[in-house]
Amino acid sequence: MFEIPIVILPEDIDDMQHVNNVVYLRWVQDVAISHWRANATPALQQAFGWVATRHEIDYKHAALPGDAITARTWIGAIDSRRFERFTEIVRTVDSRVLTNARTLWCLLNRATGRVTRIPPELRACFS
């Protein structure tokens, strides 16, 4: 499992005085990108990139101004061209799950811009 702290910004708060649902999706992406950068070699990062092809998000509880938040992510199933990624957004003080997400990420070759097979050395970085 990989995690990062999240800071709630004033612009994240909607007119209901809690974090807007769209912001959670940004956090899902932020933790995925951070995980990629932390685990993949510079050569792999230069050669490949990811695009999301599907998001599923379950909103459980609201994040409020002043809450300390942690985003946690881990890899699920891996096929020849895709990673399944799970994310949990939790309130840090009590580990209450605010949001669960499942995202499918497709690997792209940066040089061609096309979907490509996941090479063994990339798979190994996340196993």
N, C-alpha and C. Protein backbone atom coordinates (compact mmCIF):
# COMPACT_ATOMS: atom_id res chain seq x y z
N MET A 1 0.85 -1.18 0.00
CA MET A 1 0.00 0.00 0.00
C MET A 1 0.89 1.24 0.00
N PHE A 2 0.48 2.23 -0.73
CA PHE A 2 1.19 3.50 -0.85
C PHE A 2 0.24 4.58 -0.38
N GLU A 3 0.76 5.58 0.33
CA GLU A 3 -0.13 6.65 0.79
C GLU A 3 0.55 8.00 0.76
N ILE A 4 -0.29 9.04 0.66
CA ILE A 4 0.18 10.42 0.71
C ILE A 4 -0.80 11.24 1.56
N PRO A 5 -0.29 12.28 2.21
CA PRO A 5 -1.20 13.19 2.92
C PRO A 5 -1.87 14.12 1.91
N ILE A 6 -3.07 14.52 2.22
CA ILE A 6 -3.84 15.44 1.37
C ILE A 6 -4.19 16.67 2.20
N VAL A 7 -4.02 17.83 1.60
CA VAL A 7 -4.41 19.08 2.25
C VAL A 7 -5.67 19.58 1.55
N ILE A 8 -6.69 19.84 2.32
CA ILE A 8 -7.93 20.39 1.77
C ILE A 8 -7.72 21.89 1.54
N LEU A 9 -7.93 22.30 0.31
CA LEU A 9 -7.77 23.71 -0.07
C LEU A 9 -9.12 24.42 0.02
N PRO A 10 -9.12 25.73 0.22
CA PRO A 10 -10.40 26.46 0.29
C PRO A 10 -11.28 26.23 -0.94
N GLU A 11 -10.67 26.11 -2.13
CA GLU A 11 -11.44 25.92 -3.35
C GLU A 11 -12.00 24.50 -3.49
N ASP A 12 -11.60 23.59 -2.61
CA ASP A 12 -12.15 22.23 -2.61
C ASP A 12 -13.54 22.17 -1.97
N ILE A 13 -13.90 23.20 -1.23
CA ILE A 13 -15.15 23.22 -0.47
C ILE A 13 -16.27 23.77 -1.34
N ASP A 14 -17.39 23.04 -1.35
CA ASP A 14 -18.53 23.46 -2.16
C ASP A 14 -19.55 24.23 -1.32
N ASP A 15 -20.69 24.53 -1.91
CA ASP A 15 -21.69 25.33 -1.18
C ASP A 15 -22.40 24.57 -0.07
N MET A 16 -22.13 23.26 0.05
CA MET A 16 -22.65 22.48 1.17
C MET A 16 -21.64 22.45 2.33
N GLN A 17 -20.53 23.18 2.17
CA GLN A 17 -19.49 23.32 3.19
C GLN A 17 -18.73 22.01 3.46
N HIS A 18 -18.59 21.18 2.43
CA HIS A 18 -17.73 20.00 2.52
C HIS A 18 -16.99 19.86 1.19
N VAL A 19 -16.04 18.93 1.14
CA VAL A 19 -15.26 18.74 -0.08
C VAL A 19 -16.18 18.27 -1.20
N ASN A 20 -16.08 18.92 -2.34
CA ASN A 20 -16.88 18.57 -3.51
C ASN A 20 -16.48 17.20 -4.04
N ASN A 21 -17.44 16.43 -4.52
CA ASN A 21 -17.18 15.07 -5.01
C ASN A 21 -16.12 15.03 -6.11
N VAL A 22 -16.07 16.03 -6.95
CA VAL A 22 -15.09 16.04 -8.03
C VAL A 22 -13.66 16.08 -7.48
N VAL A 23 -13.48 16.69 -6.34
CA VAL A 23 -12.16 16.80 -5.73
C VAL A 23 -11.61 15.41 -5.35
N TYR A 24 -12.50 14.53 -4.90
CA TYR A 24 -12.06 13.18 -4.56
C TYR A 24 -11.43 12.50 -5.77
N LEU A 25 -12.00 12.72 -6.94
CA LEU A 25 -11.43 12.14 -8.16
C LEU A 25 -10.03 12.69 -8.42
N ARG A 26 -9.83 13.97 -8.18
CA ARG A 26 -8.49 14.57 -8.31
C ARG A 26 -7.53 13.89 -7.34
N TRP A 27 -7.98 13.64 -6.11
CA TRP A 27 -7.12 12.98 -5.14
C TRP A 27 -6.78 11.56 -5.56
N VAL A 28 -7.75 10.85 -6.16
CA VAL A 28 -7.50 9.50 -6.68
C VAL A 28 -6.37 9.56 -7.71
N GLN A 29 -6.44 10.54 -8.59
CA GLN A 29 -5.40 10.70 -9.59
C GLN A 29 -4.07 11.11 -8.95
N ASP A 30 -4.10 12.03 -8.01
CA ASP A 30 -2.88 12.50 -7.36
C ASP A 30 -2.12 11.36 -6.69
N VAL A 31 -2.80 10.49 -5.97
CA VAL A 31 -2.11 9.40 -5.28
C VAL A 31 -1.62 8.36 -6.28
N ALA A 32 -2.36 8.15 -7.37
CA ALA A 32 -1.91 7.21 -8.41
C ALA A 32 -0.62 7.72 -9.06
N ILE A 33 -0.59 8.99 -9.39
CA ILE A 33 0.61 9.57 -10.01
C ILE A 33 1.78 9.53 -9.05
N SER A 34 1.54 9.86 -7.79
CA SER A 34 2.62 9.81 -6.78
C SER A 34 3.17 8.40 -6.64
N HIS A 35 2.28 7.41 -6.64
CA HIS A 35 2.70 6.01 -6.54
C HIS A 35 3.55 5.63 -7.75
N TRP A 36 3.12 6.01 -8.94
CA TRP A 36 3.87 5.76 -10.18
C TRP A 36 5.26 6.37 -10.08
N ARG A 37 5.34 7.62 -9.70
CA ARG A 37 6.64 8.31 -9.63
C ARG A 37 7.55 7.74 -8.55
N ALA A 38 6.96 7.25 -7.47
CA ALA A 38 7.76 6.68 -6.38
C ALA A 38 8.31 5.30 -6.72
N ASN A 39 7.60 4.54 -7.57
CA ASN A 39 7.98 3.14 -7.81
C ASN A 39 8.64 2.87 -9.16
N ALA A 40 8.26 3.59 -10.18
CA ALA A 40 8.80 3.34 -11.51
C ALA A 40 10.16 4.02 -11.67
N THR A 41 11.04 3.38 -12.39
CA THR A 41 12.36 3.97 -12.64
C THR A 41 12.20 5.20 -13.55
N PRO A 42 13.18 6.09 -13.53
CA PRO A 42 13.11 7.24 -14.45
C PRO A 42 13.00 6.81 -15.92
N ALA A 43 13.66 5.74 -16.29
CA ALA A 43 13.58 5.25 -17.68
C ALA A 43 12.16 4.81 -18.02
N LEU A 44 11.51 4.11 -17.10
CA LEU A 44 10.13 3.68 -17.33
C LEU A 44 9.20 4.88 -17.40
N GLN A 45 9.40 5.85 -16.53
CA GLN A 45 8.56 7.05 -16.54
C GLN A 45 8.74 7.84 -17.84
N GLN A 46 9.94 7.83 -18.38
CA GLN A 46 10.19 8.53 -19.63
C GLN A 46 9.55 7.80 -20.81
N ALA A 47 9.52 6.48 -20.76
CA ALA A 47 9.02 5.68 -21.88
C ALA A 47 7.50 5.52 -21.88
N PHE A 48 6.90 5.54 -20.69
CA PHE A 48 5.48 5.19 -20.57
C PHE A 48 4.70 6.22 -19.76
N GLY A 49 3.40 6.24 -20.00
CA GLY A 49 2.46 7.04 -19.21
C GLY A 49 1.16 6.27 -19.08
N TRP A 50 0.27 6.79 -18.28
CA TRP A 50 -1.00 6.11 -18.00
C TRP A 50 -2.18 7.01 -18.31
N VAL A 51 -3.26 6.39 -18.75
CA VAL A 51 -4.54 7.09 -18.87
C VAL A 51 -5.60 6.26 -18.17
N ALA A 52 -6.49 6.93 -17.50
CA ALA A 52 -7.60 6.24 -16.84
C ALA A 52 -8.67 5.92 -17.87
N THR A 53 -9.18 4.70 -17.82
CA THR A 53 -10.26 4.30 -18.72
C THR A 53 -11.58 4.08 -17.99
N ARG A 54 -11.52 3.99 -16.67
CA ARG A 54 -12.75 3.78 -15.90
C ARG A 54 -12.51 4.19 -14.44
N HIS A 55 -13.49 4.89 -13.88
CA HIS A 55 -13.49 5.24 -12.46
C HIS A 55 -14.79 4.77 -11.84
N GLU A 56 -14.70 4.16 -10.67
CA GLU A 56 -15.87 3.84 -9.84
C GLU A 56 -15.57 4.41 -8.47
N ILE A 57 -16.46 5.26 -7.98
CA ILE A 57 -16.23 5.91 -6.69
C ILE A 57 -17.47 5.75 -5.81
N ASP A 58 -17.22 5.32 -4.58
CA ASP A 58 -18.29 5.26 -3.57
C ASP A 58 -17.98 6.30 -2.51
N TYR A 59 -18.89 7.23 -2.33
CA TYR A 59 -18.75 8.29 -1.34
C TYR A 59 -19.42 7.82 -0.05
N LYS A 60 -18.65 7.75 1.02
CA LYS A 60 -19.15 7.22 2.31
C LYS A 60 -19.47 8.34 3.31
N HIS A 61 -18.52 9.25 3.48
CA HIS A 61 -18.64 10.33 4.46
C HIS A 61 -17.97 11.58 3.91
N ALA A 62 -18.42 12.73 4.37
CA ALA A 62 -17.89 14.00 3.88
C ALA A 62 -16.57 14.36 4.54
N ALA A 63 -15.69 14.94 3.74
CA ALA A 63 -14.49 15.58 4.27
C ALA A 63 -14.83 17.05 4.47
N LEU A 64 -14.39 17.59 5.59
CA LEU A 64 -14.76 18.96 5.98
C LEU A 64 -13.52 19.84 6.06
N PRO A 65 -13.72 21.15 5.96
CA PRO A 65 -12.58 22.05 6.10
C PRO A 65 -11.83 21.76 7.40
N GLY A 66 -10.51 21.71 7.32
CA GLY A 66 -9.70 21.45 8.50
C GLY A 66 -9.37 19.99 8.74
N ASP A 67 -10.08 19.08 8.07
CA ASP A 67 -9.76 17.65 8.22
C ASP A 67 -8.39 17.34 7.63
N ALA A 68 -7.64 16.51 8.33
CA ALA A 68 -6.41 15.94 7.77
C ALA A 68 -6.83 14.68 7.02
N ILE A 69 -6.39 14.55 5.79
CA ILE A 69 -6.82 13.46 4.92
C ILE A 69 -5.60 12.67 4.45
N THR A 70 -5.78 11.37 4.29
CA THR A 70 -4.75 10.51 3.72
C THR A 70 -5.37 9.75 2.55
N ALA A 71 -4.62 9.70 1.44
CA ALA A 71 -5.03 8.90 0.29
C ALA A 71 -4.13 7.67 0.24
N ARG A 72 -4.76 6.50 0.17
CA ARG A 72 -4.03 5.23 0.11
C ARG A 72 -4.37 4.53 -1.20
N THR A 73 -3.38 3.91 -1.81
CA THR A 73 -3.64 3.20 -3.06
C THR A 73 -2.84 1.92 -3.13
N TRP A 74 -3.36 0.97 -3.89
CA TRP A 74 -2.68 -0.30 -4.14
C TRP A 74 -3.17 -0.85 -5.46
N ILE A 75 -2.36 -1.73 -6.02
CA ILE A 75 -2.65 -2.32 -7.32
C ILE A 75 -3.45 -3.61 -7.12
N GLY A 76 -4.46 -3.78 -7.95
CA GLY A 76 -5.25 -5.02 -7.98
C GLY A 76 -4.77 -5.89 -9.12
N ALA A 77 -5.70 -6.30 -9.96
CA ALA A 77 -5.38 -7.18 -11.09
C ALA A 77 -4.58 -6.41 -12.14
N ILE A 78 -3.66 -7.13 -12.77
CA ILE A 78 -2.86 -6.59 -13.86
C ILE A 78 -3.06 -7.51 -15.05
N ASP A 79 -3.43 -6.93 -16.20
CA ASP A 79 -3.47 -7.76 -17.40
C ASP A 79 -2.37 -7.27 -18.34
N SER A 80 -2.43 -7.60 -19.59
CA SER A 80 -1.34 -7.28 -20.51
C SER A 80 -1.16 -5.79 -20.75
N ARG A 81 -2.21 -4.99 -20.59
CA ARG A 81 -2.15 -3.56 -20.90
C ARG A 81 -2.74 -2.64 -19.82
N ARG A 82 -3.30 -3.22 -18.76
CA ARG A 82 -4.01 -2.42 -17.76
C ARG A 82 -3.65 -2.81 -16.34
N PHE A 83 -3.71 -1.80 -15.48
CA PHE A 83 -3.63 -1.99 -14.03
C PHE A 83 -4.99 -1.65 -13.46
N GLU A 84 -5.45 -2.47 -12.54
CA GLU A 84 -6.59 -2.12 -11.71
C GLU A 84 -6.00 -1.50 -10.45
N ARG A 85 -6.50 -0.34 -10.08
CA ARG A 85 -5.97 0.37 -8.91
C ARG A 85 -7.11 0.68 -7.96
N PHE A 86 -6.87 0.42 -6.68
CA PHE A 86 -7.84 0.75 -5.64
C PHE A 86 -7.31 1.93 -4.84
N THR A 87 -8.22 2.78 -4.41
CA THR A 87 -7.85 3.95 -3.60
C THR A 87 -8.86 4.10 -2.48
N GLU A 88 -8.34 4.47 -1.34
CA GLU A 88 -9.15 4.79 -0.16
C GLU A 88 -8.75 6.19 0.29
N ILE A 89 -9.72 7.04 0.47
CA ILE A 89 -9.49 8.37 1.05
C ILE A 89 -10.02 8.29 2.48
N VAL A 90 -9.14 8.56 3.45
CA VAL A 90 -9.53 8.43 4.86
C VAL A 90 -9.24 9.71 5.63
N ARG A 91 -10.04 9.92 6.67
CA ARG A 91 -9.75 11.00 7.61
C ARG A 91 -8.63 10.47 8.51
N THR A 92 -7.53 11.18 8.57
CA THR A 92 -6.32 10.68 9.22
C THR A 92 -6.50 10.45 10.71
N VAL A 93 -7.20 11.33 11.40
CA VAL A 93 -7.29 11.27 12.86
C VAL A 93 -7.95 9.97 13.35
N ASP A 94 -8.94 9.46 12.60
CA ASP A 94 -9.64 8.26 13.06
C ASP A 94 -9.70 7.14 12.02
N SER A 95 -9.02 7.32 10.90
CA SER A 95 -8.98 6.34 9.79
C SER A 95 -10.36 6.02 9.22
N ARG A 96 -11.30 6.92 9.40
CA ARG A 96 -12.64 6.71 8.83
C ARG A 96 -12.55 6.82 7.31
N VAL A 97 -13.06 5.80 6.63
CA VAL A 97 -13.05 5.80 5.17
C VAL A 97 -14.10 6.77 4.67
N LEU A 98 -13.65 7.75 3.88
CA LEU A 98 -14.55 8.74 3.31
C LEU A 98 -14.98 8.34 1.90
N THR A 99 -14.07 7.73 1.17
CA THR A 99 -14.32 7.36 -0.22
C THR A 99 -13.52 6.12 -0.58
N ASN A 100 -14.13 5.22 -1.34
CA ASN A 100 -13.43 4.09 -1.96
C ASN A 100 -13.51 4.29 -3.47
N ALA A 101 -12.43 3.96 -4.16
CA ALA A 101 -12.45 4.06 -5.62
C ALA A 101 -11.74 2.87 -6.24
N ARG A 102 -12.20 2.53 -7.43
CA ARG A 102 -11.55 1.52 -8.27
C ARG A 102 -11.38 2.17 -9.63
N THR A 103 -10.15 2.16 -10.14
CA THR A 103 -9.86 2.78 -11.41
C THR A 103 -9.09 1.80 -12.28
N LEU A 104 -9.38 1.81 -13.56
CA LEU A 104 -8.60 1.04 -14.54
C LEU A 104 -7.71 2.01 -15.28
N TRP A 105 -6.42 1.69 -15.30
CA TRP A 105 -5.41 2.53 -15.96
C TRP A 105 -4.80 1.74 -17.11
N CYS A 106 -4.70 2.38 -18.25
CA CYS A 106 -4.15 1.76 -19.46
C CYS A 106 -2.77 2.36 -19.74
N LEU A 107 -1.80 1.51 -20.08
CA LEU A 107 -0.43 1.95 -20.32
C LEU A 107 -0.27 2.47 -21.75
N LEU A 108 0.36 3.64 -21.86
CA LEU A 108 0.65 4.23 -23.17
C LEU A 108 2.15 4.34 -23.39
N ASN A 109 2.56 4.11 -24.61
CA ASN A 109 3.94 4.37 -25.03
C ASN A 109 4.02 5.86 -25.34
N ARG A 110 4.88 6.58 -24.65
CA ARG A 110 4.96 8.04 -24.84
C ARG A 110 5.40 8.40 -26.26
N ALA A 111 6.27 7.61 -26.86
CA ALA A 111 6.78 7.92 -28.20
C ALA A 111 5.70 7.82 -29.27
N THR A 112 4.81 6.83 -29.13
CA THR A 112 3.79 6.62 -30.16
C THR A 112 2.42 7.14 -29.75
N GLY A 113 2.21 7.32 -28.44
CA GLY A 113 0.89 7.72 -27.95
C GLY A 113 -0.12 6.59 -28.00
N ARG A 114 0.35 5.38 -28.21
CA ARG A 114 -0.55 4.23 -28.36
C ARG A 114 -0.51 3.33 -27.12
N VAL A 115 -1.61 2.62 -26.94
CA VAL A 115 -1.69 1.62 -25.87
C VAL A 115 -0.62 0.56 -26.13
N THR A 116 0.04 0.12 -25.07
CA THR A 116 1.12 -0.84 -25.22
C THR A 116 1.06 -1.90 -24.12
N ARG A 117 1.76 -2.98 -24.34
CA ARG A 117 1.84 -4.05 -23.34
C ARG A 117 2.68 -3.60 -22.15
N ILE A 118 2.32 -4.10 -20.98
CA ILE A 118 3.06 -3.80 -19.76
C ILE A 118 4.30 -4.69 -19.73
N PRO A 119 5.48 -4.09 -19.79
CA PRO A 119 6.70 -4.91 -19.77
C PRO A 119 6.94 -5.51 -18.39
N PRO A 120 7.64 -6.64 -18.33
CA PRO A 120 7.89 -7.32 -17.05
C PRO A 120 8.57 -6.42 -16.02
N GLU A 121 9.49 -5.56 -16.44
CA GLU A 121 10.21 -4.71 -15.48
C GLU A 121 9.28 -3.66 -14.87
N LEU A 122 8.26 -3.23 -15.59
CA LEU A 122 7.29 -2.30 -15.03
C LEU A 122 6.38 -3.05 -14.06
N ARG A 123 5.93 -4.19 -14.46
CA ARG A 123 5.08 -5.02 -13.60
C ARG A 123 5.79 -5.29 -12.27
N ALA A 124 7.09 -5.57 -12.34
CA ALA A 124 7.87 -5.89 -11.14
C ALA A 124 7.93 -4.71 -10.16
N CYS A 125 7.89 -3.50 -10.67
CA CYS A 125 7.93 -2.31 -9.81
C CYS A 125 6.72 -2.21 -8.88
N PHE A 126 5.62 -2.87 -9.26
CA PHE A 126 4.37 -2.75 -8.51
C PHE A 126 3.87 -4.08 -7.95
N SER A 127 4.70 -5.10 -8.01
CA SER A 127 4.30 -6.42 -7.50
C SER A 127 4.66 -6.57 -6.04
